[in-house]
N, C-alpha and C. Protein backbone atom coordinates (compact mmCIF):
# COMPACT_ATOMS: atom_id res chain seq x y z
N UNK A 1 95.91 138.51 114.16
CA UNK A 1 94.51 137.64 115.44
C UNK A 1 93.42 137.03 114.43
N UNK A 2 92.91 136.29 115.12
CA UNK A 2 91.68 135.36 114.09
C UNK A 2 90.80 136.40 113.31
N UNK A 3 90.26 137.44 113.65
CA UNK A 3 89.60 138.04 112.99
C UNK A 3 90.30 138.95 111.79
N UNK A 4 91.81 139.08 111.77
CA UNK A 4 92.53 139.67 110.71
C UNK A 4 92.52 138.61 109.35
N UNK A 5 92.41 137.16 109.89
CA UNK A 5 92.34 136.17 108.95
C UNK A 5 91.81 136.22 107.53
N UNK A 6 92.45 136.12 106.39
CA UNK A 6 91.38 136.53 104.97
C UNK A 6 92.08 135.13 104.27
N UNK A 7 91.36 135.10 103.13
CA UNK A 7 91.42 133.85 102.45
C UNK A 7 93.14 133.81 101.37
N UNK A 8 93.69 134.94 101.79
CA UNK A 8 95.23 134.96 101.11
C UNK A 8 95.95 134.32 102.19
N UNK A 9 95.70 134.46 103.59
CA UNK A 9 96.69 133.84 104.46
C UNK A 9 97.13 132.52 104.45
N UNK A 10 98.20 131.94 104.99
CA UNK A 10 98.65 130.69 105.14
C UNK A 10 98.86 130.30 106.67
N UNK A 11 98.16 129.14 107.28
CA UNK A 11 98.16 128.72 108.63
C UNK A 11 99.42 127.83 108.39
N UNK A 12 100.56 127.85 109.46
CA UNK A 12 101.38 126.68 109.66
C UNK A 12 100.79 125.49 110.26
N UNK A 13 101.34 124.48 109.70
CA UNK A 13 100.76 123.42 110.41
C UNK A 13 101.98 122.67 111.26
N UNK A 14 103.10 122.89 111.14
CA UNK A 14 104.23 122.17 111.68
C UNK A 14 105.15 123.16 111.79
N UNK A 15 106.39 122.81 112.69
CA UNK A 15 107.56 123.73 112.69
C UNK A 15 108.74 122.93 113.08
N UNK A 16 109.79 123.42 113.36
CA UNK A 16 111.13 122.75 113.00
C UNK A 16 111.22 121.96 114.73
N UNK A 17 111.07 120.93 114.64
CA UNK A 17 110.93 120.27 116.20
C UNK A 17 112.66 119.97 116.54
N UNK A 18 112.79 120.54 117.75
CA UNK A 18 114.32 120.42 118.39
C UNK A 18 113.99 120.30 120.04
N UNK A 19 114.62 118.88 119.85
CA UNK A 19 114.48 118.47 121.64
C UNK A 19 115.34 118.97 122.36
N UNK A 20 114.91 119.60 123.53
CA UNK A 20 115.97 120.16 124.61
C UNK A 20 116.11 118.92 125.48
N UNK A 21 115.98 118.20 125.69
CA UNK A 21 116.15 117.32 126.35
C UNK A 21 116.79 115.88 126.12
N UNK A 22 117.11 114.91 126.84
CA UNK A 22 117.50 113.65 126.43
C UNK A 22 116.71 112.87 126.01
N UNK A 23 116.80 111.86 124.91
CA UNK A 23 115.77 111.41 124.37
C UNK A 23 115.57 109.81 125.13
N UNK A 24 114.27 109.64 125.39
CA UNK A 24 113.87 108.67 126.19
C UNK A 24 114.34 107.17 125.68
N UNK A 25 114.59 107.09 124.63
CA UNK A 25 114.82 105.96 123.67
C UNK A 25 115.91 106.26 122.83
N UNK A 26 116.86 105.64 122.46
CA UNK A 26 117.91 105.56 121.30
C UNK A 26 116.92 105.45 119.99
N UNK A 27 117.21 105.96 118.72
CA UNK A 27 116.64 105.61 117.40
C UNK A 27 116.38 104.10 117.21
N UNK A 28 117.41 103.12 117.38
CA UNK A 28 116.89 101.68 117.11
C UNK A 28 115.93 100.94 118.23
N UNK A 29 116.02 101.66 119.58
CA UNK A 29 115.04 100.99 120.60
C UNK A 29 113.63 101.55 120.20
N UNK A 30 113.75 103.21 119.60
CA UNK A 30 112.61 103.59 119.49
C UNK A 30 111.69 103.00 118.41
N UNK A 31 112.21 102.54 117.28
CA UNK A 31 111.88 101.78 116.30
C UNK A 31 111.57 100.51 116.58
N UNK A 32 112.13 99.73 117.38
CA UNK A 32 111.90 98.46 118.35
C UNK A 32 110.17 98.57 118.50
N UNK A 33 110.16 99.43 119.53
CA UNK A 33 108.81 99.77 120.16
C UNK A 33 107.57 100.01 119.07
N UNK A 34 108.54 100.85 118.13
CA UNK A 34 107.08 101.16 117.07
C UNK A 34 106.77 99.93 116.67
N UNK A 35 107.40 98.98 116.35
CA UNK A 35 107.29 97.93 115.31
C UNK A 35 106.22 97.29 116.56
N UNK A 36 106.81 96.96 118.00
CA UNK A 36 106.06 96.04 118.92
C UNK A 36 104.80 96.71 119.02
N UNK A 37 104.38 97.91 119.00
CA UNK A 37 102.61 98.43 119.28
C UNK A 37 101.86 98.32 118.15
N UNK A 38 102.52 98.16 117.05
CA UNK A 38 101.78 98.09 115.64
C UNK A 38 101.93 96.13 115.23
N UNK A 39 102.86 96.05 114.84
CA UNK A 39 102.83 94.60 114.03
C UNK A 39 103.21 93.52 115.16
N UNK A 40 103.34 93.89 116.00
CA UNK A 40 103.91 93.05 117.24
C UNK A 40 103.34 92.65 118.31
N UNK A 41 103.51 91.77 119.26
CA UNK A 41 103.10 91.50 120.51
C UNK A 41 103.54 91.64 121.47
N UNK A 42 102.99 91.93 123.06
CA UNK A 42 103.74 91.87 123.93
C UNK A 42 103.01 91.63 125.53
N UNK A 43 103.78 91.19 126.20
CA UNK A 43 102.95 90.84 127.54
C UNK A 43 103.74 90.95 128.93
N UNK A 44 103.03 91.19 129.88
CA UNK A 44 103.59 91.03 131.12
C UNK A 44 103.16 89.64 131.71
N UNK A 45 104.37 89.03 132.42
CA UNK A 45 104.18 87.65 133.13
C UNK A 45 104.91 88.10 134.22
N UNK A 46 104.04 88.56 135.57
CA UNK A 46 104.66 88.88 136.45
C UNK A 46 105.47 90.16 136.55
N UNK A 47 106.97 90.06 136.48
CA UNK A 47 107.75 91.19 136.14
C UNK A 47 108.57 91.24 135.16
N UNK A 48 107.89 90.02 134.50
CA UNK A 48 108.86 89.82 132.68
C UNK A 48 107.86 90.56 131.95
N UNK A 49 108.58 91.12 131.13
CA UNK A 49 108.01 91.81 129.82
C UNK A 49 108.45 90.95 128.70
N UNK A 50 107.53 90.32 128.02
CA UNK A 50 107.88 89.75 126.51
C UNK A 50 107.65 90.25 125.50
N UNK A 51 108.15 90.64 124.50
CA UNK A 51 107.78 91.61 123.18
C UNK A 51 108.42 90.67 122.04
N UNK A 52 107.80 90.61 120.67
CA UNK A 52 108.52 90.26 119.80
C UNK A 52 107.45 91.16 118.48
N UNK A 53 107.90 90.64 117.30
CA UNK A 53 107.37 91.01 116.32
C UNK A 53 106.90 90.13 115.19
N UNK A 54 106.06 90.23 114.44
CA UNK A 54 105.50 89.52 113.40
C UNK A 54 105.50 90.15 112.16
N UNK A 55 106.10 89.51 111.02
CA UNK A 55 106.50 89.94 110.04
C UNK A 55 106.55 89.06 108.71
N UNK A 56 106.16 89.37 107.62
CA UNK A 56 106.41 88.68 106.46
C UNK A 56 107.41 88.68 105.65
N UNK A 57 107.82 87.45 104.97
CA UNK A 57 109.30 87.82 104.19
C UNK A 57 108.89 88.52 103.08
N UNK A 58 107.82 88.80 102.74
CA UNK A 58 107.25 89.84 101.52
C UNK A 58 107.19 91.30 101.96
N UNK A 59 107.61 91.70 102.96
CA UNK A 59 107.53 93.06 103.79
C UNK A 59 108.47 93.44 104.13
N UNK A 60 109.03 93.48 105.43
CA UNK A 60 110.15 93.70 106.21
C UNK A 60 110.67 92.78 106.94
N UNK A 61 110.89 91.54 106.79
CA UNK A 61 111.23 90.60 107.84
C UNK A 61 112.71 90.80 107.90
N UNK A 62 113.63 91.02 106.72
CA UNK A 62 114.93 91.42 106.91
C UNK A 62 115.45 92.35 107.90
N UNK A 63 114.90 93.53 107.49
CA UNK A 63 114.86 94.82 108.18
C UNK A 63 114.58 94.51 109.69
N UNK A 64 113.63 94.22 110.07
CA UNK A 64 113.27 93.58 111.74
C UNK A 64 114.30 92.56 111.86
N UNK A 65 114.74 91.72 111.34
CA UNK A 65 115.95 90.86 111.89
C UNK A 65 117.03 91.80 112.28
N UNK A 66 117.58 92.60 111.19
CA UNK A 66 118.78 93.38 111.18
C UNK A 66 118.47 94.29 112.67
N UNK A 67 117.23 94.80 112.86
CA UNK A 67 117.33 95.73 113.78
C UNK A 67 117.33 95.09 115.19
N UNK A 68 116.47 93.93 115.39
CA UNK A 68 116.77 93.02 116.54
C UNK A 68 117.97 92.41 116.68
N UNK A 69 118.51 91.81 115.89
CA UNK A 69 119.51 91.23 115.57
C UNK A 69 119.50 89.60 116.17
N UNK A 70 118.28 89.23 115.60
CA UNK A 70 117.68 88.01 115.95
C UNK A 70 116.88 87.49 114.76
N UNK A 71 117.24 86.06 114.47
CA UNK A 71 116.36 85.66 113.14
C UNK A 71 115.29 85.07 113.61
N UNK A 72 114.17 85.64 112.70
CA UNK A 72 112.69 85.05 112.63
C UNK A 72 112.37 83.50 112.91
N UNK A 73 111.46 83.26 113.80
CA UNK A 73 110.89 82.11 113.66
C UNK A 73 109.63 81.95 112.78
N UNK A 74 109.88 81.25 111.69
CA UNK A 74 108.75 81.10 110.97
C UNK A 74 107.65 80.18 111.54
N UNK A 75 106.04 80.63 111.03
CA UNK A 75 105.21 80.20 111.55
C UNK A 75 105.22 78.38 110.90
N UNK A 76 104.63 77.59 111.48
CA UNK A 76 104.47 76.11 111.36
C UNK A 76 103.64 75.77 110.08
N UNK A 77 102.73 76.37 110.18
CA UNK A 77 101.25 76.21 109.67
C UNK A 77 101.74 76.30 108.01
N UNK A 78 101.46 75.46 107.49
CA UNK A 78 101.46 75.14 105.78
C UNK A 78 100.82 76.73 105.07
N UNK A 79 101.66 77.08 104.31
CA UNK A 79 101.25 78.08 103.56
C UNK A 79 100.93 79.61 103.85
N UNK A 80 101.51 79.78 105.48
CA UNK A 80 101.23 80.95 106.43
C UNK A 80 102.91 81.59 106.14
N UNK A 81 103.24 82.70 105.58
CA UNK A 81 104.05 83.45 105.47
C UNK A 81 104.36 84.52 106.61
N UNK A 82 104.85 84.12 107.67
CA UNK A 82 104.94 85.12 108.81
C UNK A 82 106.04 84.32 109.71
N UNK A 83 107.01 85.37 110.30
CA UNK A 83 107.62 84.75 111.27
C UNK A 83 107.69 85.98 112.54
N UNK A 84 108.02 85.09 113.54
CA UNK A 84 108.07 85.90 114.80
C UNK A 84 109.58 86.10 115.42
N UNK A 85 109.48 87.35 115.18
CA UNK A 85 111.11 87.86 115.69
C UNK A 85 111.34 88.52 117.25
N UNK A 86 111.84 87.87 118.09
CA UNK A 86 111.54 88.24 119.64
C UNK A 86 112.74 89.23 119.99
N UNK A 87 112.48 90.01 120.53
CA UNK A 87 113.23 91.13 121.16
C UNK A 87 114.03 90.59 122.35
N UNK A 88 115.13 90.87 122.40
CA UNK A 88 116.19 90.21 123.24
C UNK A 88 116.14 90.73 124.58
N UNK A 89 116.47 90.18 125.64
CA UNK A 89 116.30 90.62 127.04
C UNK A 89 117.14 92.04 127.36
N UNK A 90 117.88 92.13 126.47
CA UNK A 90 118.92 93.58 127.06
C UNK A 90 118.01 94.91 126.54
N UNK A 91 117.23 94.40 125.27
CA UNK A 91 116.42 95.47 124.67
C UNK A 91 115.32 95.83 125.38
N UNK A 92 114.77 94.76 125.69
CA UNK A 92 113.53 94.78 126.74
C UNK A 92 113.50 95.49 128.05
N UNK A 93 114.84 95.11 128.17
CA UNK A 93 115.14 96.21 130.12
C UNK A 93 115.04 97.49 129.82
N UNK A 94 115.93 97.89 128.47
CA UNK A 94 116.19 99.27 128.38
C UNK A 94 114.90 99.84 127.79
N UNK A 95 113.95 99.38 127.37
CA UNK A 95 112.53 99.78 126.98
C UNK A 95 111.53 99.82 128.11
N UNK A 96 111.72 99.17 128.84
CA UNK A 96 110.59 99.22 130.01
C UNK A 96 111.23 100.15 131.22
N UNK A 97 112.56 100.66 130.89
CA UNK A 97 112.71 101.63 131.67
C UNK A 97 111.82 103.05 131.49
N UNK A 98 111.09 103.03 130.39
CA UNK A 98 110.27 104.24 130.20
C UNK A 98 109.10 103.71 129.63
N UNK A 99 108.59 102.59 129.40
CA UNK A 99 107.46 101.99 128.71
C UNK A 99 106.70 100.99 129.58
N UNK A 100 105.25 100.84 129.78
CA UNK A 100 105.02 99.63 130.50
C UNK A 100 103.73 99.09 129.87
N UNK A 101 103.02 99.84 129.16
CA UNK A 101 101.66 99.53 128.29
C UNK A 101 101.65 100.70 127.27
N UNK A 102 100.62 100.48 126.26
CA UNK A 102 100.53 101.38 125.26
C UNK A 102 99.88 102.88 125.55
N UNK A 103 99.34 102.68 126.77
CA UNK A 103 99.03 103.97 127.26
C UNK A 103 99.93 105.06 127.69
N UNK A 104 101.35 104.55 127.54
CA UNK A 104 102.44 105.45 127.84
C UNK A 104 102.98 105.92 126.74
N UNK A 105 102.39 105.42 125.34
CA UNK A 105 103.02 106.22 124.25
C UNK A 105 102.77 107.46 123.79
N UNK A 106 101.61 108.20 123.97
CA UNK A 106 101.32 109.41 123.81
C UNK A 106 102.41 110.53 124.45
N UNK A 107 102.87 110.49 125.81
CA UNK A 107 103.62 110.93 126.67
C UNK A 107 104.82 110.53 126.26
N UNK A 108 105.20 109.21 126.05
CA UNK A 108 106.70 109.03 125.59
C UNK A 108 107.11 109.45 124.50
N UNK A 109 106.40 109.68 123.21
CA UNK A 109 106.76 110.15 122.08
C UNK A 109 107.40 111.34 121.98
N UNK A 110 106.99 112.23 122.94
CA UNK A 110 107.39 113.79 123.31
C UNK A 110 108.66 114.13 123.89
N UNK A 111 108.89 112.71 124.36
CA UNK A 111 110.17 112.89 124.68
C UNK A 111 111.49 112.34 124.17
N UNK A 112 111.11 111.85 122.86
CA UNK A 112 112.18 111.33 121.95
C UNK A 112 112.90 112.54 121.35
N UNK A 113 114.28 112.20 121.02
CA UNK A 113 115.03 113.07 120.17
C UNK A 113 114.48 113.16 118.55
N UNK A 114 114.80 113.68 117.88
CA UNK A 114 114.17 114.11 116.52
C UNK A 114 114.42 112.98 115.71
N UNK A 115 116.03 112.14 115.97
CA UNK A 115 116.26 111.14 114.90
C UNK A 115 115.28 110.01 115.58
N UNK A 116 115.16 109.80 117.01
CA UNK A 116 114.42 108.49 117.57
C UNK A 116 113.08 108.65 117.08
N UNK A 117 112.50 109.95 117.11
CA UNK A 117 111.03 110.19 116.39
C UNK A 117 110.80 109.91 115.13
N UNK A 118 111.98 110.01 114.19
CA UNK A 118 111.54 109.81 112.73
C UNK A 118 111.87 108.07 112.76
N UNK A 119 112.52 107.33 113.57
CA UNK A 119 112.49 105.91 113.53
C UNK A 119 111.33 105.45 113.98
N UNK A 120 110.67 105.93 115.04
CA UNK A 120 109.50 104.98 115.23
C UNK A 120 108.42 105.59 114.10
N UNK A 121 108.49 106.41 113.58
CA UNK A 121 107.66 107.02 112.80
C UNK A 121 107.64 106.09 111.74
N UNK A 122 109.00 105.97 111.29
CA UNK A 122 109.17 105.07 110.08
C UNK A 122 108.56 103.31 110.23
N UNK A 123 109.03 103.26 111.70
CA UNK A 123 108.58 101.98 111.65
C UNK A 123 107.09 101.63 111.86
N UNK A 124 106.04 102.66 112.61
CA UNK A 124 105.01 102.15 112.67
C UNK A 124 104.17 102.39 111.14
N UNK A 125 104.80 103.43 110.42
CA UNK A 125 104.10 103.38 109.10
C UNK A 125 104.46 102.36 108.29
N UNK A 126 105.42 101.72 108.22
CA UNK A 126 105.73 100.40 107.67
C UNK A 126 104.97 99.36 107.93
N UNK A 127 104.85 99.34 109.27
CA UNK A 127 103.97 98.14 110.11
C UNK A 127 102.69 98.34 109.54
N UNK A 128 101.83 99.47 109.65
CA UNK A 128 100.57 99.58 109.41
C UNK A 128 100.17 100.22 108.47
N UNK A 129 100.72 100.95 107.74
CA UNK A 129 100.62 101.78 106.61
C UNK A 129 100.32 101.10 105.40
N UNK A 130 99.76 101.86 104.16
CA UNK A 130 99.64 101.56 102.90
C UNK A 130 99.83 102.37 101.80
N UNK A 131 100.07 102.02 100.67
CA UNK A 131 100.49 102.98 99.78
C UNK A 131 101.74 104.03 99.99
N UNK A 132 102.72 103.17 100.43
CA UNK A 132 104.11 103.65 100.98
C UNK A 132 104.79 104.88 100.07
N UNK A 133 104.67 104.39 98.93
CA UNK A 133 105.39 105.18 97.70
C UNK A 133 104.60 106.29 97.32
N UNK A 134 103.40 106.09 97.55
CA UNK A 134 102.57 107.55 97.02
C UNK A 134 102.28 108.47 98.31
N UNK A 135 100.87 108.33 98.37
CA UNK A 135 100.33 109.48 99.85
C UNK A 135 99.97 108.13 100.69
N UNK A 136 100.63 107.98 101.75
CA UNK A 136 100.78 106.76 102.67
C UNK A 136 99.30 107.12 103.60
N UNK A 137 98.78 105.80 104.07
CA UNK A 137 97.76 106.06 104.71
C UNK A 137 97.87 105.06 106.30
N UNK A 138 97.89 105.42 107.09
CA UNK A 138 98.11 104.57 108.38
C UNK A 138 96.68 104.20 109.25
N UNK A 139 96.42 103.52 108.99
CA UNK A 139 95.25 103.08 109.85
C UNK A 139 95.67 102.13 111.18
N UNK A 140 94.61 102.57 112.29
CA UNK A 140 94.68 102.00 113.39
C UNK A 140 93.14 102.10 114.26
N UNK A 141 93.08 101.21 115.26
CA UNK A 141 91.77 101.63 115.98
C UNK A 141 92.09 102.90 116.89
N UNK A 142 91.12 103.63 117.37
CA UNK A 142 91.17 104.76 118.15
C UNK A 142 91.68 104.39 119.59
N UNK A 143 92.74 105.08 119.80
CA UNK A 143 93.50 104.67 120.96
C UNK A 143 94.79 105.20 121.10
N UNK A 144 95.58 105.12 122.21
CA UNK A 144 96.94 105.50 122.54
C UNK A 144 97.95 105.42 121.29
N UNK A 145 97.91 104.34 120.55
CA UNK A 145 98.89 104.00 119.30
C UNK A 145 98.51 105.22 118.13
N UNK A 146 97.41 105.16 117.80
CA UNK A 146 96.79 106.32 117.09
C UNK A 146 97.38 107.53 117.45
N UNK A 147 96.81 107.66 118.79
CA UNK A 147 97.51 109.36 119.52
C UNK A 147 98.79 109.68 119.23
N UNK A 148 99.90 108.62 119.53
CA UNK A 148 101.15 108.77 119.32
C UNK A 148 101.47 108.90 117.86
N UNK A 149 100.84 108.18 117.32
CA UNK A 149 101.33 108.49 115.45
C UNK A 149 101.20 109.64 114.95
N UNK A 150 99.78 110.40 115.70
CA UNK A 150 99.56 111.82 115.28
C UNK A 150 100.61 112.70 115.56
N UNK A 151 100.87 112.43 116.98
CA UNK A 151 102.11 113.57 117.54
C UNK A 151 103.43 113.25 116.84
N UNK A 152 103.65 111.95 116.91
CA UNK A 152 105.00 111.62 115.99
C UNK A 152 105.03 112.39 114.37
N UNK A 153 103.97 112.20 113.93
CA UNK A 153 103.57 113.13 112.29
C UNK A 153 104.17 114.23 112.76
N UNK A 154 103.56 115.10 113.57
CA UNK A 154 103.91 116.56 113.67
C UNK A 154 105.19 116.52 114.05
N UNK A 155 105.76 115.88 114.81
CA UNK A 155 107.60 116.20 115.27
C UNK A 155 108.29 115.97 113.91
N UNK A 156 107.78 115.13 113.08
CA UNK A 156 109.03 114.69 111.79
C UNK A 156 108.44 115.59 110.72
N UNK A 157 107.64 116.55 110.92
CA UNK A 157 107.35 117.18 109.94
C UNK A 157 106.23 117.12 109.16
N UNK A 158 105.41 116.23 109.56
CA UNK A 158 104.09 115.96 108.73
C UNK A 158 102.77 116.68 109.26
N UNK A 159 101.61 116.41 108.30
CA UNK A 159 100.67 116.88 108.92
C UNK A 159 99.44 115.56 108.77
N UNK A 160 99.37 114.70 110.15
CA UNK A 160 98.62 113.75 109.81
C UNK A 160 97.06 114.02 110.15
N UNK A 161 96.38 114.35 109.24
CA UNK A 161 95.05 114.54 109.11
C UNK A 161 94.32 113.24 109.50
N UNK A 162 93.40 113.13 110.39
CA UNK A 162 92.65 112.10 110.72
C UNK A 162 91.18 112.11 110.49
N UNK A 163 90.72 110.68 110.28
CA UNK A 163 89.12 110.86 109.98
C UNK A 163 88.72 109.36 110.83
N UNK A 164 87.53 109.08 111.20
CA UNK A 164 87.36 107.53 111.92
C UNK A 164 86.30 107.17 110.58
N UNK A 165 86.54 105.84 110.30
CA UNK A 165 85.89 105.01 109.38
C UNK A 165 84.86 104.76 109.96
N UNK A 166 83.71 104.16 109.11
CA UNK A 166 82.65 103.26 109.96
C UNK A 166 82.97 101.97 110.30
N UNK A 167 84.08 101.32 110.13
CA UNK A 167 84.29 100.25 110.98
C UNK A 167 85.00 100.50 112.51
N UNK A 168 85.49 101.86 112.47
CA UNK A 168 85.95 102.09 113.68
C UNK A 168 87.40 102.26 113.67
N UNK A 169 87.90 102.22 112.71
CA UNK A 169 89.49 102.46 112.42
C UNK A 169 89.46 104.01 112.27
N UNK A 170 90.74 104.52 112.67
CA UNK A 170 90.94 106.13 112.42
C UNK A 170 92.13 105.87 111.24
N UNK A 171 91.95 106.53 110.34
CA UNK A 171 92.85 106.87 109.08
C UNK A 171 93.76 108.20 109.12
N UNK A 172 94.88 108.09 108.88
CA UNK A 172 95.92 109.10 109.13
C UNK A 172 96.72 109.22 107.80
N UNK A 173 96.54 110.61 107.20
CA UNK A 173 97.17 110.89 106.10
C UNK A 173 98.43 111.61 106.48
N UNK A 174 99.68 111.01 106.58
CA UNK A 174 100.85 111.96 107.16
C UNK A 174 101.49 112.83 105.84
N UNK A 175 100.85 113.78 105.86
CA UNK A 175 101.23 114.56 104.37
C UNK A 175 102.33 115.60 104.57
N UNK A 176 103.12 116.02 103.84
CA UNK A 176 104.27 116.82 104.00
C UNK A 176 104.09 118.40 103.85
N UNK A 177 102.67 118.70 103.67
CA UNK A 177 102.20 120.15 103.52
C UNK A 177 102.37 120.97 104.45
N UNK A 178 103.11 122.18 104.39
CA UNK A 178 103.10 122.76 106.02
C UNK A 178 102.62 123.74 106.00
N UNK A 179 101.43 124.15 105.02
CA UNK A 179 100.31 125.15 105.41
C UNK A 179 99.12 124.89 105.24
N UNK A 180 97.90 125.45 105.34
CA UNK A 180 96.50 125.68 104.89
C UNK A 180 95.88 126.73 104.90
N UNK A 181 95.06 126.99 103.83
CA UNK A 181 94.81 128.32 103.82
C UNK A 181 93.76 128.11 104.63
N UNK A 182 92.79 129.18 105.25
CA UNK A 182 91.81 129.31 105.94
C UNK A 182 90.51 129.43 105.05
N UNK A 183 90.50 129.00 103.77
CA UNK A 183 89.21 129.19 103.02
C UNK A 183 88.93 127.71 102.92
N UNK A 184 89.76 126.75 103.42
CA UNK A 184 89.53 125.29 103.16
C UNK A 184 88.47 125.28 104.42
N UNK A 185 87.74 123.84 104.13
CA UNK A 185 86.52 123.20 105.12
C UNK A 185 85.73 124.36 104.98
N UNK A 186 84.71 124.75 106.13
CA UNK A 186 83.40 125.41 105.83
C UNK A 186 83.83 126.59 105.53
N UNK A 187 85.02 127.44 105.48
CA UNK A 187 85.50 128.52 104.92
C UNK A 187 85.69 129.64 106.08
N UNK A 188 85.67 131.02 105.88
CA UNK A 188 85.59 131.74 106.93
C UNK A 188 84.48 132.52 107.10
N UNK A 189 83.92 132.43 108.46
CA UNK A 189 82.44 133.14 108.88
C UNK A 189 82.63 133.67 109.80
N UNK A 190 81.71 134.64 110.29
CA UNK A 190 81.39 134.99 111.83
C UNK A 190 80.53 134.05 112.51
N UNK A 191 80.47 134.02 113.48
CA UNK A 191 79.83 133.09 114.29
C UNK A 191 79.42 133.81 115.99
N UNK A 192 78.35 134.08 116.26
CA UNK A 192 77.73 134.58 117.33
C UNK A 192 78.14 133.53 118.60
N UNK A 193 78.70 134.19 119.63
CA UNK A 193 79.26 133.09 120.74
C UNK A 193 79.12 134.04 122.02
N UNK A 194 78.39 133.20 123.11
CA UNK A 194 78.30 133.20 124.36
C UNK A 194 79.08 132.34 125.31
N UNK A 195 80.18 132.77 126.04
CA UNK A 195 80.81 131.58 126.99
C UNK A 195 82.31 132.24 127.39
N UNK A 196 82.86 131.18 127.76
CA UNK A 196 84.23 131.30 128.38
C UNK A 196 84.93 131.34 126.81
N UNK A 197 86.10 132.33 127.14
CA UNK A 197 87.42 131.96 126.20
C UNK A 197 88.43 132.00 126.97
N UNK A 198 89.48 131.21 126.31
CA UNK A 198 90.51 130.78 127.20
C UNK A 198 91.49 130.74 125.95
N UNK A 199 92.95 130.70 126.60
CA UNK A 199 94.29 130.32 125.95
C UNK A 199 95.28 130.44 127.08
N UNK A 200 95.84 129.27 126.86
CA UNK A 200 96.75 128.50 127.96
C UNK A 200 97.87 129.21 127.70
N UNK A 201 98.87 129.14 128.78
CA UNK A 201 100.36 129.68 128.62
C UNK A 201 101.06 128.65 128.84
N UNK A 202 102.07 128.48 128.02
CA UNK A 202 103.01 127.39 128.39
C UNK A 202 104.73 128.06 128.09
N UNK A 203 105.49 127.41 128.91
CA UNK A 203 107.11 128.04 129.02
C UNK A 203 107.56 128.14 127.61
N UNK A 204 107.30 127.56 126.49
CA UNK A 204 107.64 127.86 124.99
C UNK A 204 107.03 128.96 124.43
N UNK A 205 105.77 129.29 124.84
CA UNK A 205 105.14 130.18 124.34
C UNK A 205 104.17 129.75 123.28
N UNK A 206 104.32 128.34 123.03
CA UNK A 206 103.58 127.56 121.87
C UNK A 206 102.70 126.74 122.19
N UNK A 207 101.58 126.70 121.87
CA UNK A 207 100.50 125.41 122.07
C UNK A 207 99.93 124.81 120.85
N UNK A 208 99.51 123.52 120.90
CA UNK A 208 98.67 123.09 119.71
C UNK A 208 97.00 123.36 119.89
N UNK A 209 96.68 122.77 118.61
CA UNK A 209 95.09 122.73 118.90
C UNK A 209 94.98 121.68 117.83
N UNK A 210 93.80 120.56 118.10
CA UNK A 210 93.33 119.51 117.34
C UNK A 210 91.66 120.07 117.03
N UNK A 211 91.60 120.41 116.01
CA UNK A 211 90.00 120.42 115.40
C UNK A 211 89.52 119.50 114.45
N UNK A 212 88.53 118.69 114.55
CA UNK A 212 88.10 118.09 113.45
C UNK A 212 89.35 116.96 112.91
N UNK A 213 90.04 116.72 113.60
CA UNK A 213 91.35 115.74 113.28
C UNK A 213 92.02 116.28 112.82
N UNK A 214 92.52 117.77 112.45
CA UNK A 214 93.39 118.45 112.12
C UNK A 214 94.08 119.25 113.00
N UNK A 215 95.65 118.96 113.26
CA UNK A 215 96.20 119.92 114.40
C UNK A 215 97.19 121.16 113.65
N UNK A 216 97.22 121.92 114.34
CA UNK A 216 97.94 122.83 113.96
C UNK A 216 98.74 123.87 115.43
N UNK A 217 99.91 124.45 115.24
CA UNK A 217 100.01 125.26 116.25
C UNK A 217 99.32 126.80 116.32
């Protein structure tokens, strides 16, 4: 129990994710959607959904072209190294079976298989991440894309601690650490409290809490 914790204990930050349902998207389609909601663009024209990905030849253009099966359309402006890679009609039709806007993302990522979650996490981190070879940082405005990325981080075995910067962007550091000691932060202390105390009940017996940007089971 919480009252029994001391500074010698270690608290788990993530577990082993095993989906008990059919994946809402295949790994390839999950990766495509991950690219679209970060380095891409999409819009509805009536019942028609257009979507594509912008990418530089100095970054991941070759990878995106292989993923979509389409050649990029280079920007015609002089000195601009950016190509637009469209999604095929077939891929778009499959994606919109489970996705209509970015607001769907937080719920959608919880319906992915582990392989599909890995693929979407990798795409989003490559698109909006920095320092990918060291301690990567994912920056995104507060909203459903940022929310989905933090959920994905937990699913793939990362601990994406978040903080909100002065410019309104949220920064996530998806570390591989699996535990944290209670002495971190403000440390252990007793606080007088008066009010309701609650604990949810779930079918799996597990629930998650996010406090000051940190998530743990």
